Amino acid sequence: MIFGKIDYINLLPFHIFLKRCSMNSALKKAIEHKKGVPTLINKEFEKRRVSAAFISSIMSDKKNIKTLPLGIVAKKQVKSVILKKGSCKNDPASATSNVLCKVLEMQGEVLIGDIALKKYLKNPNLYIDLSASWHEKYNLPFVFAILCTNRHHNIYRKLAIKFKNKKIKIPSYILKSYAQKRGIETKEIKEYLKLISYNIEEKERKALKLFLKKASKIKTK
């Protein structure tokens, strides 16, 4: 069992949960991690080198993929998926956000992840928050990724249910460590995580369906 780990701050609560969750020691030991940016984890999942991962939402409707009701969701703004006005440039780490920019009919350089968050926090006036733009246009949250499996679905389903029902507290030493490594203050990390939710329910499913519909039209042009 290999879990595809995207080592961004937005998934920090889930990674802490995996370390702490009450599963037997053999199972916990069996769940290894393979780290990478979203595009890399997408490829590893497609090649079945990982059994589960938070897969970019643009890929979540592919055949033979089982989904779980967990994802990476921005309620309104997100700060870590941004656009710098200018000539078009995709972020090579992103799959979904590059398409979102086109869906919103915007032009510029797409930036995602902790690097984008750091840039935005330093000078928000230079960037457009793509999730905030989506919410302003459609009055819906934006689903950036979905927890998907290609093996051991029932095991991950049980883990997903546990995560949904558990409030995760991030230890201060972990916050400090991330703050030092990413160059982002601990208070900013806490505020950022308030923008993220993980449950995929009716409104999130509606938002995802709308995005995939609009994305499909763009890809066929």
C-alpha atoms as a PDB file:
ATOM      1  CA  MET A   1       0.000   0.000   0.000  1.00  0.00           C
ATOM      2  CA  ILE A   2       1.641   3.211  -1.181  1.00  0.00           C
ATOM      3  CA  PHE A   3      -0.042   6.558  -0.648  1.00  0.00           C
ATOM      4  CA  GLY A   4       0.826   9.417  -2.989  1.00  0.00           C
ATOM      5  CA  LYS A   5       1.803  12.329  -0.758  1.00  0.00           C
ATOM      6  CA  ILE A   6       1.563  15.909  -1.970  1.00  0.00           C
ATOM      7  CA  ASP A   7       3.652  17.740   0.599  1.00  0.00           C
ATOM      8  CA  TYR A   8       1.775  21.040   0.597  1.00  0.00           C
ATOM      9  CA  ILE A   9       0.486  22.840   3.682  1.00  0.00           C
ATOM     10  CA  ASN A  10      -3.115  22.335   2.544  1.00  0.00           C
ATOM     11  CA  LEU A  11      -2.820  18.586   3.232  1.00  0.00           C
ATOM     12  CA  LEU A  12      -0.945  18.915   6.524  1.00  0.00           C
ATOM     13  CA  PRO A  13      -4.006  17.977   8.656  1.00  0.00           C
ATOM     14  CA  PHE A  14      -4.519  14.769   6.654  1.00  0.00           C
ATOM     15  CA  HIS A  15      -0.873  13.714   6.909  1.00  0.00           C
ATOM     16  CA  ILE A  16      -0.952  14.286  10.679  1.00  0.00           C
ATOM     17  CA  PHE A  17      -4.136  12.212  10.833  1.00  0.00           C
ATOM     18  CA  LEU A  18      -2.476   9.313   8.984  1.00  0.00           C
ATOM     19  CA  LYS A  19       0.398   9.288  11.471  1.00  0.00           C
ATOM     20  CA  ARG A  20      -1.931   9.308  14.464  1.00  0.00           C
ATOM     21  CA  CYS A  21      -4.902   7.243  13.318  1.00  0.00           C
ATOM     22  CA  SER A  22      -5.800   4.140  15.281  1.00  0.00           C
ATOM     23  CA  MET A  23      -5.098   1.359  12.824  1.00  0.00           C
ATOM     24  CA  ASN A  24      -3.098  -1.707  13.657  1.00  0.00           C
ATOM     25  CA  SER A  25       0.670  -1.354  13.559  1.00  0.00           C
ATOM     26  CA  ALA A  26       1.092  -3.749  10.631  1.00  0.00           C
ATOM     27  CA  LEU A  27      -1.307  -1.725   8.499  1.00  0.00           C
ATOM     28  CA  LYS A  28       0.278   1.564   9.523  1.00  0.00           C
ATOM     29  CA  LYS A  29       3.685   0.192   8.587  1.00  0.00           C
ATOM     30  CA  ALA A  30       2.315  -1.076   5.283  1.00  0.00           C
ATOM     31  CA  ILE A  31       1.186   2.390   4.182  1.00  0.00           C
ATOM     32  CA  GLU A  32       4.289   3.895   2.657  1.00  0.00           C
ATOM     33  CA  HIS A  33       4.455   7.308   1.054  1.00  0.00           C
ATOM     34  CA  LYS A  34       5.673   8.535  -2.298  1.00  0.00           C
ATOM     35  CA  LYS A  35       6.126  12.302  -2.379  1.00  0.00           C
ATOM     36  CA  GLY A  36       5.667  14.604  -5.319  1.00  0.00           C
ATOM     37  CA  VAL A  37       3.874  17.598  -6.786  1.00  0.00           C
ATOM     38  CA  PRO A  38       0.309  17.067  -8.091  1.00  0.00           C
ATOM     39  CA  THR A  39       1.288  16.325 -11.702  1.00  0.00           C
ATOM     40  CA  LEU A  40       3.835  13.719 -10.603  1.00  0.00           C
ATOM     41  CA  ILE A  41       1.406  12.025  -8.193  1.00  0.00           C
ATOM     42  CA  ASN A  42      -1.224  11.964 -10.965  1.00  0.00           C
ATOM     43  CA  LYS A  43       1.193  10.035 -13.199  1.00  0.00           C
ATOM     44  CA  GLU A  44       2.210   7.665 -10.406  1.00  0.00           C
ATOM     45  CA  PHE A  45      -1.458   6.949  -9.728  1.00  0.00           C
ATOM     46  CA  GLU A  46      -2.216   6.338 -13.414  1.00  0.00           C
ATOM     47  CA  LYS A  47       0.670   3.868 -13.576  1.00  0.00           C
ATOM     48  CA  ARG A  48      -0.633   2.229 -10.370  1.00  0.00           C
ATOM     49  CA  ARG A  49       2.607   2.903  -8.530  1.00  0.00           C
ATOM     50  CA  VAL A  50       0.531   4.369  -5.716  1.00  0.00           C
ATOM     51  CA  SER A  51      -2.673   2.791  -4.433  1.00  0.00           C
ATOM     52  CA  ALA A  52      -4.354   6.028  -3.343  1.00  0.00           C
ATOM     53  CA  ALA A  53      -3.782   9.775  -3.537  1.00  0.00           C
ATOM     54  CA  PHE A  54      -5.422  13.162  -3.729  1.00  0.00           C
ATOM     55  CA  ILE A  55      -5.705  13.333  -7.503  1.00  0.00           C
ATOM     56  CA  SER A  56      -6.163  16.569  -9.441  1.00  0.00           C
ATOM     57  CA  SER A  57      -9.894  17.081  -9.944  1.00  0.00           C
ATOM     58  CA  ILE A  58      -9.468  17.474 -13.704  1.00  0.00           C
ATOM     59  CA  MET A  59      -8.535  13.758 -13.764  1.00  0.00           C
ATOM     60  CA  SER A  60     -11.127  12.488 -11.307  1.00  0.00           C
ATOM     61  CA  ASP A  61     -13.761  11.515 -13.874  1.00  0.00           C
ATOM     62  CA  LYS A  62     -11.541   9.054 -15.708  1.00  0.00           C
ATOM     63  CA  LYS A  63     -12.672   5.452 -15.995  1.00  0.00           C
ATOM     64  CA  ASN A  64     -11.467   2.831 -13.509  1.00  0.00           C
ATOM     65  CA  ILE A  65     -10.896   5.432 -10.784  1.00  0.00           C
ATOM     66  CA  LYS A  66     -12.740   5.049  -7.513  1.00  0.00           C
ATOM     67  CA  THR A  67     -13.341   8.226  -5.581  1.00  0.00           C
ATOM     68  CA  LEU A  68     -13.930   8.913  -1.906  1.00  0.00           C
ATOM     69  CA  PRO A  69     -15.848  11.842  -0.361  1.00  0.00           C
ATOM     70  CA  LEU A  70     -12.662  13.687   0.567  1.00  0.00           C
ATOM     71  CA  GLY A  71     -10.823  16.328  -1.381  1.00  0.00           C
ATOM     72  CA  ILE A  72      -8.964  19.613  -1.253  1.00  0.00           C
ATOM     73  CA  VAL A  73     -11.617  22.318  -1.362  1.00  0.00           C
ATOM     74  CA  ALA A  74     -11.419  26.090  -1.207  1.00  0.00           C
ATOM     75  CA  LYS A  75     -14.571  27.607   0.259  1.00  0.00           C
ATOM     76  CA  LYS A  76     -13.951  30.998  -1.376  1.00  0.00           C
ATOM     77  CA  GLN A  77     -10.430  32.372  -1.658  1.00  0.00           C
ATOM     78  CA  VAL A  78      -7.428  30.076  -1.292  1.00  0.00           C
ATOM     79  CA  LYS A  79      -4.261  32.242  -1.615  1.00  0.00           C
ATOM     80  CA  SER A  80      -2.190  29.307  -2.878  1.00  0.00           C
ATOM     81  CA  VAL A  81      -3.572  29.122  -6.427  1.00  0.00           C
ATOM     82  CA  ILE A  82      -2.875  32.455  -8.026  1.00  0.00           C
ATOM     83  CA  LEU A  83      -2.411  34.233 -11.315  1.00  0.00           C
ATOM     84  CA  LYS A  84       0.156  36.876 -12.123  1.00  0.00           C
ATOM     85  CA  LYS A  85      -1.130  39.047 -14.936  1.00  0.00           C
ATOM     86  CA  GLY A  86       0.912  38.961 -18.119  1.00  0.00           C
ATOM     87  CA  SER A  87       1.777  36.389 -20.735  1.00  0.00           C
ATOM     88  CA  CYS A  88       0.284  32.900 -20.318  1.00  0.00           C
ATOM     89  CA  LYS A  89       2.434  30.409 -18.452  1.00  0.00           C
ATOM     90  CA  ASN A  90       1.291  27.152 -16.876  1.00  0.00           C
ATOM     91  CA  ASP A  91       2.626  25.889 -13.564  1.00  0.00           C
ATOM     92  CA  PRO A  92       4.282  22.508 -14.366  1.00  0.00           C
ATOM     93  CA  ALA A  93       3.253  21.215 -10.917  1.00  0.00           C
ATOM     94  CA  SER A  94      -0.428  21.818 -11.649  1.00  0.00           C
ATOM     95  CA  ALA A  95      -3.078  20.033 -13.676  1.00  0.00           C
ATOM     96  CA  THR A  96      -6.360  21.482 -12.426  1.00  0.00           C
ATOM     97  CA  SER A  97      -5.314  25.098 -11.821  1.00  0.00           C
ATOM     98  CA  ASN A  98      -3.925  25.587 -15.328  1.00  0.00           C
ATOM     99  CA  VAL A  99      -7.323  24.546 -16.719  1.00  0.00           C
ATOM    100  CA  LEU A 100      -9.173  26.693 -14.167  1.00  0.00           C
ATOM    101  CA  CYS A 101      -7.356  29.740 -15.506  1.00  0.00           C
ATOM    102  CA  LYS A 102      -8.691  28.967 -19.000  1.00  0.00           C
ATOM    103  CA  VAL A 103     -12.203  28.239 -17.713  1.00  0.00           C
ATOM    104  CA  LEU A 104     -12.212  31.681 -16.113  1.00  0.00           C
ATOM    105  CA  GLU A 105     -10.932  33.163 -19.394  1.00  0.00           C
ATOM    106  CA  MET A 106      -7.966  34.772 -17.689  1.00  0.00           C
ATOM    107  CA  GLN A 107      -4.445  35.295 -18.925  1.00  0.00           C
ATOM    108  CA  GLY A 108      -1.197  35.207 -16.989  1.00  0.00           C
ATOM    109  CA  GLU A 109       1.237  33.002 -15.112  1.00  0.00           C
ATOM    110  CA  VAL A 110      -0.347  30.310 -12.927  1.00  0.00           C
ATOM    111  CA  LEU A 111       1.353  29.572  -9.593  1.00  0.00           C
ATOM    112  CA  ILE A 112       0.294  26.944  -7.057  1.00  0.00           C
ATOM    113  CA  GLY A 113       1.293  25.450  -3.720  1.00  0.00           C
ATOM    114  CA  ASP A 114       3.309  26.777  -0.820  1.00  0.00           C
ATOM    115  CA  ILE A 115       5.530  28.900  -3.075  1.00  0.00           C
ATOM    116  CA  ALA A 116       2.428  30.616  -4.443  1.00  0.00           C
ATOM    117  CA  LEU A 117       1.080  31.124  -0.931  1.00  0.00           C
ATOM    118  CA  LYS A 118       4.325  32.785   0.169  1.00  0.00           C
ATOM    119  CA  LYS A 119       4.285  35.111  -2.854  1.00  0.00           C
ATOM    120  CA  TYR A 120       0.643  36.041  -2.310  1.00  0.00           C
ATOM    121  CA  LEU A 121       1.109  36.794   1.377  1.00  0.00           C
ATOM    122  CA  LYS A 122       4.040  39.088   0.609  1.00  0.00           C
ATOM    123  CA  ASN A 123       2.198  41.117  -2.006  1.00  0.00           C
ATOM    124  CA  PRO A 124      -1.456  40.169  -2.637  1.00  0.00           C
ATOM    125  CA  ASN A 125      -2.007  43.135  -4.935  1.00  0.00           C
ATOM    126  CA  LEU A 126       0.225  41.555  -7.586  1.00  0.00           C
ATOM    127  CA  TYR A 127      -1.890  38.416  -7.933  1.00  0.00           C
ATOM    128  CA  ILE A 128      -5.409  37.198  -8.664  1.00  0.00           C
ATOM    129  CA  ASP A 129      -6.778  34.433  -6.429  1.00  0.00           C
ATOM    130  CA  LEU A 130      -8.254  31.956  -8.930  1.00  0.00           C
ATOM    131  CA  SER A 131     -10.499  30.252  -6.392  1.00  0.00           C
ATOM    132  CA  ALA A 132     -11.935  33.601  -5.292  1.00  0.00           C
ATOM    133  CA  SER A 133     -12.587  34.431  -8.951  1.00  0.00           C
ATOM    134  CA  TRP A 134     -14.394  31.108  -9.429  1.00  0.00           C
ATOM    135  CA  HIS A 135     -16.554  31.733  -6.348  1.00  0.00           C
ATOM    136  CA  GLU A 136     -17.369  35.256  -7.458  1.00  0.00           C
ATOM    137  CA  LYS A 137     -18.515  33.964 -10.859  1.00  0.00           C
ATOM    138  CA  TYR A 138     -20.405  30.810  -9.824  1.00  0.00           C
ATOM    139  CA  ASN A 139     -21.061  31.211  -6.074  1.00  0.00           C
ATOM    140  CA  LEU A 140     -19.595  27.746  -5.458  1.00  0.00           C
ATOM    141  CA  PRO A 141     -16.527  26.340  -3.702  1.00  0.00           C
ATOM    142  CA  PHE A 142     -13.727  25.015  -5.863  1.00  0.00           C
ATOM    143  CA  VAL A 143     -12.554  21.408  -5.672  1.00  0.00           C
ATOM    144  CA  PHE A 144      -8.854  21.154  -6.496  1.00  0.00           C
ATOM    145  CA  ALA A 145      -8.370  17.447  -5.787  1.00  0.00           C
ATOM    146  CA  ILE A 146     -10.265  14.264  -4.898  1.00  0.00           C
ATOM    147  CA  LEU A 147      -9.066  11.315  -2.823  1.00  0.00           C
ATOM    148  CA  CYS A 148      -8.976   8.411  -5.295  1.00  0.00           C
ATOM    149  CA  THR A 149      -7.994   4.767  -5.064  1.00  0.00           C
ATOM    150  CA  ASN A 150      -7.048   2.029  -7.488  1.00  0.00           C
ATOM    151  CA  ARG A 151      -6.435  -0.647  -4.820  1.00  0.00           C
ATOM    152  CA  HIS A 152      -7.392  -1.271  -1.163  1.00  0.00           C
ATOM    153  CA  HIS A 153     -10.489   0.901  -1.582  1.00  0.00           C
ATOM    154  CA  ASN A 154     -12.270  -0.340   1.558  1.00  0.00           C
ATOM    155  CA  ILE A 155      -9.247   0.380   3.763  1.00  0.00           C
ATOM    156  CA  TYR A 156      -8.957   3.948   2.491  1.00  0.00           C
ATOM    157  CA  ARG A 157     -12.739   4.387   2.727  1.00  0.00           C
ATOM    158  CA  LYS A 158     -12.579   3.604   6.451  1.00  0.00           C
ATOM    159  CA  LEU A 159      -9.688   6.040   6.859  1.00  0.00           C
ATOM    160  CA  ALA A 160     -11.655   8.722   4.995  1.00  0.00           C
ATOM    161  CA  ILE A 161     -14.646   8.278   7.305  1.00  0.00           C
ATOM    162  CA  LYS A 162     -12.405   8.549  10.372  1.00  0.00           C
ATOM    163  CA  PHE A 163     -10.789  11.707   9.037  1.00  0.00           C
ATOM    164  CA  LYS A 164     -14.164  13.321   8.293  1.00  0.00           C
ATOM    165  CA  ASN A 165     -15.280  12.722  11.872  1.00  0.00           C
ATOM    166  CA  LYS A 166     -12.104  13.855  13.592  1.00  0.00           C
ATOM    167  CA  LYS A 167     -10.899  17.338  14.439  1.00  0.00           C
ATOM    168  CA  ILE A 168      -7.164  17.555  13.774  1.00  0.00           C
ATOM    169  CA  LYS A 169      -4.960  19.691  15.960  1.00  0.00           C
ATOM    170  CA  ILE A 170      -1.555  20.502  14.499  1.00  0.00           C
ATOM    171  CA  PRO A 171       1.226  20.447  17.126  1.00  0.00           C
ATOM    172  CA  SER A 172       3.094  23.723  17.498  1.00  0.00           C
ATOM    173  CA  TYR A 173       6.459  22.094  16.741  1.00  0.00           C
ATOM    174  CA  ILE A 174       5.164  20.895  13.362  1.00  0.00           C
ATOM    175  CA  LEU A 175       3.760  24.342  12.586  1.00  0.00           C
ATOM    176  CA  LYS A 176       7.121  25.895  13.472  1.00  0.00           C
ATOM    177  CA  SER A 177       8.943  23.384  11.290  1.00  0.00           C
ATOM    178  CA  TYR A 178       6.724  24.116   8.288  1.00  0.00           C
ATOM    179  CA  ALA A 179       7.002  27.851   8.936  1.00  0.00           C
ATOM    180  CA  GLN A 180      10.800  27.682   8.856  1.00  0.00           C
ATOM    181  CA  LYS A 181      10.968  25.445   5.784  1.00  0.00           C
ATOM    182  CA  ARG A 182       8.386  27.357   3.755  1.00  0.00           C
ATOM    183  CA  GLY A 183       9.213  30.867   4.941  1.00  0.00           C
ATOM    184  CA  ILE A 184       5.626  31.457   6.088  1.00  0.00           C
ATOM    185  CA  GLU A 185       4.697  32.538   9.624  1.00  0.00           C
ATOM    186  CA  THR A 186       2.822  30.063  11.819  1.00  0.00           C
ATOM    187  CA  LYS A 187      -0.126  32.454  12.236  1.00  0.00           C
ATOM    188  CA  GLU A 188      -0.380  32.735   8.451  1.00  0.00           C
ATOM    189  CA  ILE A 189      -0.413  28.938   8.129  1.00  0.00           C
ATOM    190  CA  LYS A 190      -3.250  28.730  10.659  1.00  0.00           C
ATOM    191  CA  GLU A 191      -5.240  31.396   8.815  1.00  0.00           C
ATOM    192  CA  TYR A 192      -4.604  29.694   5.493  1.00  0.00           C
ATOM    193  CA  LEU A 193      -5.876  26.324   6.719  1.00  0.00           C
ATOM    194  CA  LYS A 194      -9.166  27.976   7.684  1.00  0.00           C
ATOM    195  CA  LEU A 195      -9.757  28.538   3.956  1.00  0.00           C
ATOM    196  CA  ILE A 196      -9.484  24.817   3.200  1.00  0.00           C
ATOM    197  CA  SER A 197     -12.112  22.142   3.716  1.00  0.00           C
ATOM    198  CA  TYR A 198     -11.962  18.428   2.904  1.00  0.00           C
ATOM    199  CA  ASN A 199     -15.500  17.028   2.793  1.00  0.00           C
ATOM    200  CA  ILE A 200     -17.046  16.444  -0.620  1.00  0.00           C
ATOM    201  CA  GLU A 201     -20.786  16.897  -0.258  1.00  0.00           C
ATOM    202  CA  GLU A 202     -23.627  18.130  -2.468  1.00  0.00           C
ATOM    203  CA  LYS A 203     -22.328  21.649  -3.103  1.00  0.00           C
ATOM    204  CA  GLU A 204     -18.790  20.402  -3.783  1.00  0.00           C
ATOM    205  CA  ARG A 205     -20.063  17.725  -6.177  1.00  0.00           C
ATOM    206  CA  LYS A 206     -22.080  20.372  -8.014  1.00  0.00           C
ATOM    207  CA  ALA A 207     -19.000  22.597  -8.275  1.00  0.00           C
ATOM    208  CA  LEU A 208     -16.831  19.740  -9.536  1.00  0.00           C
ATOM    209  CA  LYS A 209     -19.408  18.712 -12.130  1.00  0.00           C
ATOM    210  CA  LEU A 210     -19.631  22.290 -13.404  1.00  0.00           C
ATOM    211  CA  PHE A 211     -15.853  22.642 -13.633  1.00  0.00           C
ATOM    212  CA  LEU A 212     -15.415  19.347 -15.487  1.00  0.00           C
ATOM    213  CA  LYS A 213     -18.173  20.289 -17.929  1.00  0.00           C
ATOM    214  CA  LYS A 214     -16.569  23.634 -18.718  1.00  0.00           C
ATOM    215  CA  ALA A 215     -13.081  22.090 -18.839  1.00  0.00           C
ATOM    216  CA  SER A 216     -14.205  19.486 -21.382  1.00  0.00           C
ATOM    217  CA  LYS A 217     -15.332  22.237 -23.749  1.00  0.00           C
ATOM    218  CA  ILE A 218     -11.970  23.967 -23.463  1.00  0.00           C
ATOM    219  CA  LYS A 219      -9.994  20.798 -24.163  1.00  0.00           C
ATOM    220  CA  THR A 220     -11.986  20.114 -27.339  1.00  0.00           C
ATOM    221  CA  LYS A 221     -11.386  23.549 -28.828  1.00  0.00           C
END
